[in-house]
Amino acid sequence: MFRKLCGVRGLKNVIIVTNGWEQVDLRVAEAREAQLAGKDFFFKPVLDRGARMTRHYNTVPSAQKIIRLVLENHPRPLRIQGDQMVTFIHLCKEKRYLCPPSKRRMSQK
């Protein structure tokens, strides 16, 4: 479902953040992380398509690292946004009077 909403191009902006690292033995946490990253049932499919996984240690520097990762992203529309625009354009073509003039120009392209 998540992949369908984002689309393949949108997955490059996905950052999966794991937390609780300070609460569990490091070896246990790393094993869980490997399971999440390595199984198709969890995050492997999105990681294979460009998503990234990082750890949050419940510290300010850790949170700042996550924010830096987000800021490095290049804006990309999600698949669902494109689907909504296509639907909107089709509605505008069918019922032009419902569309504001600025949207009418988009639907005529």
PDB file of N, CA and C in Angstrom:
ATOM      1  N   MET A   1       0.832  -1.186   0.000  1.00  0.00           N
ATOM      2  CA  MET A   1       0.000   0.000   0.000  1.00  0.00           C
ATOM      3  C   MET A   1       0.882   1.257   0.000  1.00  0.00           C
ATOM      4  N   PHE A   2       1.895   1.260   0.855  1.00  0.00           N
ATOM      5  CA  PHE A   2       2.782   2.425   0.967  1.00  0.00           C
ATOM      6  C   PHE A   2       3.467   2.703  -0.368  1.00  0.00           C
ATOM      7  N   ARG A   3       3.964   1.648  -1.013  1.00  0.00           N
ATOM      8  CA  ARG A   3       4.633   1.821  -2.308  1.00  0.00           C
ATOM      9  C   ARG A   3       3.671   2.357  -3.355  1.00  0.00           C
ATOM     10  N   LYS A   4       2.417   1.926  -3.298  1.00  0.00           N
ATOM     11  CA  LYS A   4       1.432   2.401  -4.268  1.00  0.00           C
ATOM     12  C   LYS A   4       1.124   3.875  -4.061  1.00  0.00           C
ATOM     13  N   LEU A   5       1.084   4.320  -2.827  1.00  0.00           N
ATOM     14  CA  LEU A   5       0.819   5.732  -2.547  1.00  0.00           C
ATOM     15  C   LEU A   5       1.975   6.625  -2.992  1.00  0.00           C
ATOM     16  N   CYS A   6       3.199   6.173  -2.726  1.00  0.00           N
ATOM     17  CA  CYS A   6       4.384   6.987  -3.030  1.00  0.00           C
ATOM     18  C   CYS A   6       4.770   6.925  -4.492  1.00  0.00           C
ATOM     19  N   GLY A   7       4.638   5.761  -5.095  1.00  0.00           N
ATOM     20  CA  GLY A   7       5.158   5.563  -6.438  1.00  0.00           C
ATOM     21  C   GLY A   7       6.659   5.326  -6.371  1.00  0.00           C
ATOM     22  N   VAL A   8       7.216   4.788  -7.415  1.00  0.00           N
ATOM     23  CA  VAL A   8       8.634   4.427  -7.421  1.00  0.00           C
ATOM     24  C   VAL A   8       9.520   5.658  -7.233  1.00  0.00           C
ATOM     25  N   ARG A   9       9.207   6.750  -7.937  1.00  0.00           N
ATOM     26  CA  ARG A   9      10.051   7.955  -7.826  1.00  0.00           C
ATOM     27  C   ARG A   9       9.990   8.568  -6.432  1.00  0.00           C
ATOM     28  N   GLY A  10       8.857   8.506  -5.789  1.00  0.00           N
ATOM     29  CA  GLY A  10       8.702   9.094  -4.462  1.00  0.00           C
ATOM     30  C   GLY A  10       9.448   8.346  -3.372  1.00  0.00           C
ATOM     31  N   LEU A  11       9.764   7.082  -3.605  1.00  0.00           N
ATOM     32  CA  LEU A  11      10.437   6.293  -2.575  1.00  0.00           C
ATOM     33  C   LEU A  11      11.840   6.804  -2.271  1.00  0.00           C
ATOM     34  N   LYS A  12      12.447   7.515  -3.199  1.00  0.00           N
ATOM     35  CA  LYS A  12      13.787   8.060  -2.958  1.00  0.00           C
ATOM     36  C   LYS A  12      13.786   9.101  -1.830  1.00  0.00           C
ATOM     37  N   ASN A  13      12.633   9.629  -1.496  1.00  0.00           N
ATOM     38  CA  ASN A  13      12.523  10.613  -0.415  1.00  0.00           C
ATOM     39  C   ASN A  13      12.068  10.001   0.905  1.00  0.00           C
ATOM     40  N   VAL A  14      11.858   8.710   0.930  1.00  0.00           N
ATOM     41  CA  VAL A  14      11.391   8.049   2.146  1.00  0.00           C
ATOM     42  C   VAL A  14      12.572   7.781   3.077  1.00  0.00           C
ATOM     43  N   ILE A  15      12.389   8.154   4.326  1.00  0.00           N
ATOM     44  CA  ILE A  15      13.393   7.866   5.350  1.00  0.00           C
ATOM     45  C   ILE A  15      12.684   7.089   6.454  1.00  0.00           C
ATOM     46  N   ILE A  16      13.106   5.868   6.648  1.00  0.00           N
ATOM     47  CA  ILE A  16      12.541   5.021   7.692  1.00  0.00           C
ATOM     48  C   ILE A  16      13.413   5.204   8.930  1.00  0.00           C
ATOM     49  N   VAL A  17      12.791   5.646  10.006  1.00  0.00           N
ATOM     50  CA  VAL A  17      13.532   5.937  11.235  1.00  0.00           C
ATOM     51  C   VAL A  17      13.167   4.896  12.288  1.00  0.00           C
ATOM     52  N   THR A  18      14.189   4.232  12.804  1.00  0.00           N
ATOM     53  CA  THR A  18      13.969   3.289  13.900  1.00  0.00           C
ATOM     54  C   THR A  18      14.370   3.973  15.198  1.00  0.00           C
ATOM     55  N   ASN A  19      13.676   3.616  16.266  1.00  0.00           N
ATOM     56  CA  ASN A  19      13.981   4.236  17.559  1.00  0.00           C
ATOM     57  C   ASN A  19      14.087   3.165  18.638  1.00  0.00           C
ATOM     58  N   GLY A  20      14.312   3.584  19.841  1.00  0.00           N
ATOM     59  CA  GLY A  20      14.441   2.652  20.955  1.00  0.00           C
ATOM     60  C   GLY A  20      15.834   2.055  21.086  1.00  0.00           C
ATOM     61  N   TRP A  21      16.811   2.600  20.382  1.00  0.00           N
ATOM     62  CA  TRP A  21      18.165   2.052  20.395  1.00  0.00           C
ATOM     63  C   TRP A  21      18.806   2.126  21.777  1.00  0.00           C
ATOM     64  N   GLU A  22      18.417   3.095  22.552  1.00  0.00           N
ATOM     65  CA  GLU A  22      19.003   3.248  23.884  1.00  0.00           C
ATOM     66  C   GLU A  22      18.352   2.320  24.908  1.00  0.00           C
ATOM     67  N   GLN A  23      17.298   1.622  24.516  1.00  0.00           N
ATOM     68  CA  GLN A  23      16.543   0.787  25.451  1.00  0.00           C
ATOM     69  C   GLN A  23      16.848  -0.708  25.324  1.00  0.00           C
ATOM     70  N   VAL A  24      17.555  -1.096  24.271  1.00  0.00           N
ATOM     71  CA  VAL A  24      17.757  -2.509  23.975  1.00  0.00           C
ATOM     72  C   VAL A  24      19.246  -2.767  23.777  1.00  0.00           C
ATOM     73  N   ASP A  25      19.659  -3.990  24.076  1.00  0.00           N
ATOM     74  CA  ASP A  25      21.031  -4.403  23.812  1.00  0.00           C
ATOM     75  C   ASP A  25      21.338  -4.178  22.322  1.00  0.00           C
ATOM     76  N   LEU A  26      22.504  -3.656  22.028  1.00  0.00           N
ATOM     77  CA  LEU A  26      22.869  -3.298  20.663  1.00  0.00           C
ATOM     78  C   LEU A  26      22.749  -4.482  19.710  1.00  0.00           C
ATOM     79  N   ARG A  27      23.180  -5.648  20.119  1.00  0.00           N
ATOM     80  CA  ARG A  27      23.110  -6.821  19.230  1.00  0.00           C
ATOM     81  C   ARG A  27      21.656  -7.188  18.907  1.00  0.00           C
ATOM     82  N   VAL A  28      20.796  -7.076  19.890  1.00  0.00           N
ATOM     83  CA  VAL A  28      19.364  -7.361  19.665  1.00  0.00           C
ATOM     84  C   VAL A  28      18.782  -6.330  18.699  1.00  0.00           C
ATOM     85  N   ALA A  29      19.093  -5.070  18.933  1.00  0.00           N
ATOM     86  CA  ALA A  29      18.579  -3.992  18.074  1.00  0.00           C
ATOM     87  C   ALA A  29      19.082  -4.144  16.640  1.00  0.00           C
ATOM     88  N   GLU A  30      20.351  -4.470  16.480  1.00  0.00           N
ATOM     89  CA  GLU A  30      20.908  -4.640  15.135  1.00  0.00           C
ATOM     90  C   GLU A  30      20.277  -5.833  14.419  1.00  0.00           C
ATOM     91  N   ALA A  31      19.985  -6.899  15.163  1.00  0.00           N
ATOM     92  CA  ALA A  31      19.312  -8.060  14.564  1.00  0.00           C
ATOM     93  C   ALA A  31      17.909  -7.678  14.100  1.00  0.00           C
ATOM     94  N   ARG A  32      17.212  -6.897  14.899  1.00  0.00           N
ATOM     95  CA  ARG A  32      15.863  -6.440  14.506  1.00  0.00           C
ATOM     96  C   ARG A  32      15.944  -5.544  13.274  1.00  0.00           C
ATOM     97  N   GLU A  33      16.931  -4.657  13.274  1.00  0.00           N
ATOM     98  CA  GLU A  33      17.103  -3.760  12.134  1.00  0.00           C
ATOM     99  C   GLU A  33      17.384  -4.558  10.860  1.00  0.00           C
ATOM    100  N   ALA A  34      18.236  -5.562  10.967  1.00  0.00           N
ATOM    101  CA  ALA A  34      18.552  -6.403   9.808  1.00  0.00           C
ATOM    102  C   ALA A  34      17.305  -7.125   9.305  1.00  0.00           C
ATOM    103  N   GLN A  35      16.475  -7.570  10.225  1.00  0.00           N
ATOM    104  CA  GLN A  35      15.234  -8.236   9.840  1.00  0.00           C
ATOM    105  C   GLN A  35      14.308  -7.258   9.107  1.00  0.00           C
ATOM    106  N   LEU A  36      14.170  -6.061   9.639  1.00  0.00           N
ATOM    107  CA  LEU A  36      13.323  -5.058   8.985  1.00  0.00           C
ATOM    108  C   LEU A  36      13.837  -4.707   7.594  1.00  0.00           C
ATOM    109  N   ALA A  37      15.149  -4.571   7.461  1.00  0.00           N
ATOM    110  CA  ALA A  37      15.740  -4.167   6.190  1.00  0.00           C
ATOM    111  C   ALA A  37      15.835  -5.317   5.190  1.00  0.00           C
ATOM    112  N   GLY A  38      15.855  -6.538   5.673  1.00  0.00           N
ATOM    113  CA  GLY A  38      16.135  -7.657   4.788  1.00  0.00           C
ATOM    114  C   GLY A  38      14.954  -8.496   4.362  1.00  0.00           C
ATOM    115  N   LYS A  39      13.782  -8.243   4.905  1.00  0.00           N
ATOM    116  CA  LYS A  39      12.622  -9.082   4.569  1.00  0.00           C
ATOM    117  C   LYS A  39      11.621  -8.312   3.714  1.00  0.00           C
ATOM    118  N   ASP A  40      11.127  -8.986   2.695  1.00  0.00           N
ATOM    119  CA  ASP A  40      10.134  -8.370   1.808  1.00  0.00           C
ATOM    120  C   ASP A  40       8.870  -7.953   2.547  1.00  0.00           C
ATOM    121  N   PHE A  41       8.558  -8.640   3.617  1.00  0.00           N
ATOM    122  CA  PHE A  41       7.362  -8.320   4.391  1.00  0.00           C
ATOM    123  C   PHE A  41       7.484  -6.964   5.085  1.00  0.00           C
ATOM    124  N   PHE A  42       8.727  -6.546   5.347  1.00  0.00           N
ATOM    125  CA  PHE A  42       8.946  -5.280   6.043  1.00  0.00           C
ATOM    126  C   PHE A  42       9.415  -4.207   5.056  1.00  0.00           C
ATOM    127  N   PHE A  43      10.648  -3.755   5.167  1.00  0.00           N
ATOM    128  CA  PHE A  43      11.089  -2.577   4.410  1.00  0.00           C
ATOM    129  C   PHE A  43      11.986  -2.856   3.218  1.00  0.00           C
ATOM    130  N   LYS A  44      12.358  -4.085   2.973  1.00  0.00           N
ATOM    131  CA  LYS A  44      13.282  -4.389   1.884  1.00  0.00           C
ATOM    132  C   LYS A  44      12.824  -3.839   0.530  1.00  0.00           C
ATOM    133  N   PRO A  45      11.565  -4.029   0.139  1.00  0.00           N
ATOM    134  CA  PRO A  45      11.159  -3.520  -1.176  1.00  0.00           C
ATOM    135  C   PRO A  45      11.346  -2.009  -1.345  1.00  0.00           C
ATOM    136  N   VAL A  46      11.047  -1.233  -0.320  1.00  0.00           N
ATOM    137  CA  VAL A  46      11.207   0.222  -0.463  1.00  0.00           C
ATOM    138  C   VAL A  46      12.682   0.617  -0.360  1.00  0.00           C
ATOM    139  N   LEU A  47      13.453  -0.079   0.446  1.00  0.00           N
ATOM    140  CA  LEU A  47      14.894   0.197   0.528  1.00  0.00           C
ATOM    141  C   LEU A  47      15.573  -0.127  -0.797  1.00  0.00           C
ATOM    142  N   ASP A  48      15.137  -1.200  -1.447  1.00  0.00           N
ATOM    143  CA  ASP A  48      15.687  -1.562  -2.758  1.00  0.00           C
ATOM    144  C   ASP A  48      15.384  -0.512  -3.812  1.00  0.00           C
ATOM    145  N   ARG A  49      14.351   0.282  -3.599  1.00  0.00           N
ATOM    146  CA  ARG A  49      13.952   1.323  -4.566  1.00  0.00           C
ATOM    147  C   ARG A  49      14.451   2.718  -4.175  1.00  0.00           C
ATOM    148  N   GLY A  50      15.335   2.799  -3.179  1.00  0.00           N
ATOM    149  CA  GLY A  50      15.950   4.085  -2.878  1.00  0.00           C
ATOM    150  C   GLY A  50      15.611   4.695  -1.540  1.00  0.00           C
ATOM    151  N   ALA A  51      14.672   4.131  -0.802  1.00  0.00           N
ATOM    152  CA  ALA A  51      14.385   4.646   0.541  1.00  0.00           C
ATOM    153  C   ALA A  51      15.614   4.413   1.428  1.00  0.00           C
ATOM    154  N   ARG A  52      15.708   5.180   2.495  1.00  0.00           N
ATOM    155  CA  ARG A  52      16.837   5.036   3.411  1.00  0.00           C
ATOM    156  C   ARG A  52      16.325   4.727   4.810  1.00  0.00           C
ATOM    157  N   MET A  53      17.156   4.047   5.576  1.00  0.00           N
ATOM    158  CA  MET A  53      16.822   3.745   6.960  1.00  0.00           C
ATOM    159  C   MET A  53      17.913   4.340   7.842  1.00  0.00           C
ATOM    160  N   THR A  54      17.483   4.955   8.927  1.00  0.00           N
ATOM    161  CA  THR A  54      18.430   5.531   9.874  1.00  0.00           C
ATOM    162  C   THR A  54      17.930   5.301  11.292  1.00  0.00           C
ATOM    163  N   ARG A  55      18.831   5.492  12.231  1.00  0.00           N
ATOM    164  CA  ARG A  55      18.517   5.254  13.641  1.00  0.00           C
ATOM    165  C   ARG A  55      18.322   6.584  14.376  1.00  0.00           C
ATOM    166  N   HIS A  56      17.366   6.574  15.294  1.00  0.00           N
ATOM    167  CA  HIS A  56      17.186   7.724  16.182  1.00  0.00           C
ATOM    168  C   HIS A  56      17.500   7.251  17.600  1.00  0.00           C
ATOM    169  N   TYR A  57      18.477   7.911  18.202  1.00  0.00           N
ATOM    170  CA  TYR A  57      18.947   7.522  19.533  1.00  0.00           C
ATOM    171  C   TYR A  57      18.339   8.356  20.650  1.00  0.00           C
ATOM    172  N   ASN A  58      17.293   9.103  20.343  1.00  0.00           N
ATOM    173  CA  ASN A  58      16.638   9.959  21.336  1.00  0.00           C
ATOM    174  C   ASN A  58      17.577  11.052  21.855  1.00  0.00           C
ATOM    175  N   THR A  59      18.372  11.598  20.942  1.00  0.00           N
ATOM    176  CA  THR A  59      19.279  12.695  21.280  1.00  0.00           C
ATOM    177  C   THR A  59      19.095  13.806  20.247  1.00  0.00           C
ATOM    178  N   VAL A  60      19.519  14.988  20.607  1.00  0.00           N
ATOM    179  CA  VAL A  60      19.432  16.122  19.674  1.00  0.00           C
ATOM    180  C   VAL A  60      20.289  15.876  18.432  1.00  0.00           C
ATOM    181  N   PRO A  61      21.561  15.456  18.562  1.00  0.00           N
ATOM    182  CA  PRO A  61      22.351  15.215  17.344  1.00  0.00           C
ATOM    183  C   PRO A  61      21.720  14.157  16.429  1.00  0.00           C
ATOM    184  N   SER A  62      21.119  13.149  17.015  1.00  0.00           N
ATOM    185  CA  SER A  62      20.460  12.120  16.221  1.00  0.00           C
ATOM    186  C   SER A  62      19.266  12.713  15.465  1.00  0.00           C
ATOM    187  N   ALA A  63      18.478  13.536  16.123  1.00  0.00           N
ATOM    188  CA  ALA A  63      17.335  14.196  15.478  1.00  0.00           C
ATOM    189  C   ALA A  63      17.821  15.151  14.385  1.00  0.00           C
ATOM    190  N   GLN A  64      18.911  15.858  14.645  1.00  0.00           N
ATOM    191  CA  GLN A  64      19.455  16.770  13.639  1.00  0.00           C
ATOM    192  C   GLN A  64      19.918  16.012  12.401  1.00  0.00           C
ATOM    193  N   LYS A  65      20.482  14.830  12.596  1.00  0.00           N
ATOM    194  CA  LYS A  65      20.905  14.006  11.455  1.00  0.00           C
ATOM    195  C   LYS A  65      19.700  13.647  10.591  1.00  0.00           C
ATOM    196  N   ILE A  66      18.596  13.301  11.232  1.00  0.00           N
ATOM    197  CA  ILE A  66      17.381  12.940  10.493  1.00  0.00           C
ATOM    198  C   ILE A  66      16.858  14.145   9.708  1.00  0.00           C
ATOM    199  N   ILE A  67      16.874  15.299  10.336  1.00  0.00           N
ATOM    200  CA  ILE A  67      16.426  16.518   9.648  1.00  0.00           C
ATOM    201  C   ILE A  67      17.326  16.812   8.450  1.00  0.00           C
ATOM    202  N   ARG A  68      18.637  16.629   8.611  1.00  0.00           N
ATOM    203  CA  ARG A  68      19.554  16.838   7.484  1.00  0.00           C
ATOM    204  C   ARG A  68      19.220  15.881   6.327  1.00  0.00           C
ATOM    205  N   LEU A  69      18.909  14.647   6.650  1.00  0.00           N
ATOM    206  CA  LEU A  69      18.537  13.688   5.609  1.00  0.00           C
ATOM    207  C   LEU A  69      17.290  14.146   4.865  1.00  0.00           C
ATOM    208  N   VAL A  70      16.312  14.647   5.591  1.00  0.00           N
ATOM    209  CA  VAL A  70      15.084  15.145   4.958  1.00  0.00           C
ATOM    210  C   VAL A  70      15.397  16.343   4.066  1.00  0.00           C
ATOM    211  N   LEU A  71      16.249  17.244   4.549  1.00  0.00           N
ATOM    212  CA  LEU A  71      16.567  18.443   3.780  1.00  0.00           C
ATOM    213  C   LEU A  71      17.368  18.137   2.512  1.00  0.00           C
ATOM    214  N   GLU A  72      18.042  17.005   2.481  1.00  0.00           N
ATOM    215  CA  GLU A  72      18.801  16.605   1.289  1.00  0.00           C
ATOM    216  C   GLU A  72      17.894  16.112   0.167  1.00  0.00           C
ATOM    217  N   ASN A  73      16.663  15.780   0.504  1.00  0.00           N
ATOM    218  CA  ASN A  73      15.730  15.254  -0.492  1.00  0.00           C
ATOM    219  C   ASN A  73      15.409  16.300  -1.553  1.00  0.00           C
ATOM    220  N   HIS A  74      15.112  15.800  -2.742  1.00  0.00           N
ATOM    221  CA  HIS A  74      14.639  16.650  -3.830  1.00  0.00           C
ATOM    222  C   HIS A  74      13.135  16.436  -3.941  1.00  0.00           C
ATOM    223  N   PRO A  75      12.356  17.508  -3.905  1.00  0.00           N
ATOM    224  CA  PRO A  75      10.896  17.344  -3.934  1.00  0.00           C
ATOM    225  C   PRO A  75      10.448  16.553  -5.159  1.00  0.00           C
ATOM    226  N   ARG A  76       9.632  15.576  -4.912  1.00  0.00           N
ATOM    227  CA  ARG A  76       9.043  14.756  -5.971  1.00  0.00           C
ATOM    228  C   ARG A  76       7.573  14.551  -5.618  1.00  0.00           C
ATOM    229  N   PRO A  77       6.704  14.604  -6.602  1.00  0.00           N
ATOM    230  CA  PRO A  77       5.294  14.348  -6.288  1.00  0.00           C
ATOM    231  C   PRO A  77       5.100  12.875  -5.961  1.00  0.00           C
ATOM    232  N   LEU A  78       4.215  12.613  -5.031  1.00  0.00           N
ATOM    233  CA  LEU A  78       3.841  11.244  -4.732  1.00  0.00           C
ATOM    234  C   LEU A  78       2.917  10.742  -5.832  1.00  0.00           C
ATOM    235  N   ARG A  79       2.879   9.467  -6.012  1.00  0.00           N
ATOM    236  CA  ARG A  79       2.011   8.900  -7.042  1.00  0.00           C
ATOM    237  C   ARG A  79       0.560   9.304  -6.830  1.00  0.00           C
ATOM    238  N   ILE A  80       0.121   9.282  -5.603  1.00  0.00           N
ATOM    239  CA  ILE A  80      -1.275   9.627  -5.322  1.00  0.00           C
ATOM    240  C   ILE A  80      -1.580  11.076  -5.716  1.00  0.00           C
ATOM    241  N   GLN A  81      -0.594  11.957  -5.614  1.00  0.00           N
ATOM    242  CA  GLN A  81      -0.811  13.342  -6.024  1.00  0.00           C
ATOM    243  C   GLN A  81      -1.028  13.417  -7.532  1.00  0.00           C
ATOM    244  N   GLY A  82      -0.252  12.672  -8.286  1.00  0.00           N
ATOM    245  CA  GLY A  82      -0.413  12.647  -9.735  1.00  0.00           C
ATOM    246  C   GLY A  82      -1.748  12.060 -10.135  1.00  0.00           C
ATOM    247  N   ASP A  83      -2.145  10.988  -9.451  1.00  0.00           N
ATOM    248  CA  ASP A  83      -3.440  10.371  -9.735  1.00  0.00           C
ATOM    249  C   ASP A  83      -4.580  11.347  -9.470  1.00  0.00           C
ATOM    250  N   GLN A  84      -4.469  12.107  -8.390  1.00  0.00           N
ATOM    251  CA  GLN A  84      -5.511  13.076  -8.068  1.00  0.00           C
ATOM    252  C   GLN A  84      -5.578  14.168  -9.122  1.00  0.00           C
ATOM    253  N   MET A  85      -4.428  14.609  -9.636  1.00  0.00           N
ATOM    254  CA  MET A  85      -4.414  15.660 -10.650  1.00  0.00           C
ATOM    255  C   MET A  85      -5.044  15.156 -11.946  1.00  0.00           C
ATOM    256  N   VAL A  86      -4.741  13.925 -12.323  1.00  0.00           N
ATOM    257  CA  VAL A  86      -5.335  13.358 -13.538  1.00  0.00           C
ATOM    258  C   VAL A  86      -6.849  13.287 -13.386  1.00  0.00           C
ATOM    259  N   THR A  87      -7.316  12.842 -12.235  1.00  0.00           N
ATOM    260  CA  THR A  87      -8.750  12.779 -11.979  1.00  0.00           C
ATOM    261  C   THR A  87      -9.365  14.168 -12.038  1.00  0.00           C
ATOM    262  N   PHE A  88      -8.702  15.154 -11.447  1.00  0.00           N
ATOM    263  CA  PHE A  88      -9.194  16.527 -11.451  1.00  0.00           C
ATOM    264  C   PHE A  88      -9.289  17.063 -12.886  1.00  0.00           C
ATOM    265  N   ILE A  89      -8.278  16.797 -13.681  1.00  0.00           N
ATOM    266  CA  ILE A  89      -8.277  17.278 -15.066  1.00  0.00           C
ATOM    267  C   ILE A  89      -9.424  16.650 -15.845  1.00  0.00           C
ATOM    268  N   HIS A  90      -9.645  15.352 -15.653  1.00  0.00           N
ATOM    269  CA  HIS A  90     -10.758  14.704 -16.344  1.00  0.00           C
ATOM    270  C   HIS A  90     -12.101  15.306 -15.915  1.00  0.00           C
ATOM    271  N   LEU A  91     -12.247  15.587 -14.636  1.00  0.00           N
ATOM    272  CA  LEU A  91     -13.479  16.220 -14.172  1.00  0.00           C
ATOM    273  C   LEU A  91     -13.641  17.604 -14.793  1.00  0.00           C
ATOM    274  N   CYS A  92     -12.558  18.346 -14.891  1.00  0.00           N
ATOM    275  CA  CYS A  92     -12.625  19.687 -15.488  1.00  0.00           C
ATOM    276  C   CYS A  92     -13.050  19.615 -16.949  1.00  0.00           C
ATOM    277  N   LYS A  93     -12.545  18.622 -17.667  1.00  0.00           N
ATOM    278  CA  LYS A  93     -12.902  18.503 -19.078  1.00  0.00           C
ATOM    279  C   LYS A  93     -14.387  18.170 -19.234  1.00  0.00           C
ATOM    280  N   GLU A  94     -14.906  17.376 -18.311  1.00  0.00           N
ATOM    281  CA  GLU A  94     -16.313  16.999 -18.383  1.00  0.00           C
ATOM    282  C   GLU A  94     -17.233  18.136 -17.960  1.00  0.00           C
ATOM    283  N   LYS A  95     -16.858  18.874 -16.949  1.00  0.00           N
ATOM    284  CA  LYS A  95     -17.715  19.910 -16.382  1.00  0.00           C
ATOM    285  C   LYS A  95     -16.900  21.185 -16.190  1.00  0.00           C
ATOM    286  N   ARG A  96     -16.603  21.846 -17.265  1.00  0.00           N
ATOM    287  CA  ARG A  96     -15.732  23.025 -17.222  1.00  0.00           C
ATOM    288  C   ARG A  96     -16.224  24.096 -16.260  1.00  0.00           C
ATOM    289  N   TYR A  97     -17.486  24.208 -16.103  1.00  0.00           N
ATOM    290  CA  TYR A  97     -18.023  25.271 -15.250  1.00  0.00           C
ATOM    291  C   TYR A  97     -17.669  25.073 -13.778  1.00  0.00           C
ATOM    292  N   LEU A  98     -17.254  23.881 -13.374  1.00  0.00           N
ATOM    293  CA  LEU A  98     -16.873  23.649 -11.982  1.00  0.00           C
ATOM    294  C   LEU A  98     -15.438  24.078 -11.689  1.00  0.00           C
ATOM    295  N   CYS A  99     -14.661  24.283 -12.725  1.00  0.00           N
ATOM    296  CA  CYS A  99     -13.244  24.568 -12.538  1.00  0.00           C
ATOM    297  C   CYS A  99     -12.975  26.063 -12.565  1.00  0.00           C
ATOM    298  N   PRO A 100     -12.170  26.534 -11.633  1.00  0.00           N
ATOM    299  CA  PRO A 100     -11.776  27.944 -11.697  1.00  0.00           C
ATOM    300  C   PRO A 100     -10.938  28.178 -12.950  1.00  0.00           C
ATOM    301  N   PRO A 101     -10.894  29.410 -13.464  1.00  0.00           N
ATOM    302  CA  PRO A 101     -10.168  29.687 -14.704  1.00  0.00           C
ATOM    303  C   PRO A 101      -8.716  29.209 -14.691  1.00  0.00           C
ATOM    304  N   SER A 102      -8.034  29.362 -13.583  1.00  0.00           N
ATOM    305  CA  SER A 102      -6.627  28.934 -13.533  1.00  0.00           C
ATOM    306  C   SER A 102      -6.502  27.429 -13.728  1.00  0.00           C
ATOM    307  N   LYS A 103      -7.468  26.660 -13.238  1.00  0.00           N
ATOM    308  CA  LYS A 103      -7.443  25.213 -13.393  1.00  0.00           C
ATOM    309  C   LYS A 103      -7.897  24.799 -14.789  1.00  0.00           C
ATOM    310  N   ARG A 104      -8.761  25.617 -15.415  1.00  0.00           N
ATOM    311  CA  ARG A 104      -9.218  25.310 -16.772  1.00  0.00           C
ATOM    312  C   ARG A 104      -8.039  25.292 -17.733  1.00  0.00           C
ATOM    313  N   ARG A 105      -7.116  26.227 -17.565  1.00  0.00           N
ATOM    314  CA  ARG A 105      -5.952  26.271 -18.446  1.00  0.00           C
ATOM    315  C   ARG A 105      -5.161  24.972 -18.330  1.00  0.00           C
ATOM    316  N   MET A 106      -5.014  24.442 -17.110  1.00  0.00           N
ATOM    317  CA  MET A 106      -4.273  23.199 -16.921  1.00  0.00           C
ATOM    318  C   MET A 106      -5.003  22.044 -17.595  1.00  0.00           C
ATOM    319  N   SER A 107      -6.313  22.025 -17.539  1.00  0.00           N
ATOM    320  CA  SER A 107      -7.059  20.893 -18.084  1.00  0.00           C
ATOM    321  C   SER A 107      -7.084  20.901 -19.605  1.00  0.00           C
ATOM    322  N   GLN A 108      -6.766  22.029 -20.229  1.00  0.00           N
ATOM    323  CA  GLN A 108      -6.799  22.118 -21.687  1.00  0.00           C
ATOM    324  C   GLN A 108      -5.502  21.664 -22.315  1.00  0.00           C
ATOM    325  N   LYS A 109      -4.497  21.366 -21.508  1.00  0.00           N
ATOM    326  CA  LYS A 109      -3.199  20.938 -22.046  1.00  0.00           C
ATOM    327  C   LYS A 109      -3.231  19.494 -22.472  1.00  0.00           C
TER     328      LYS A 109
END
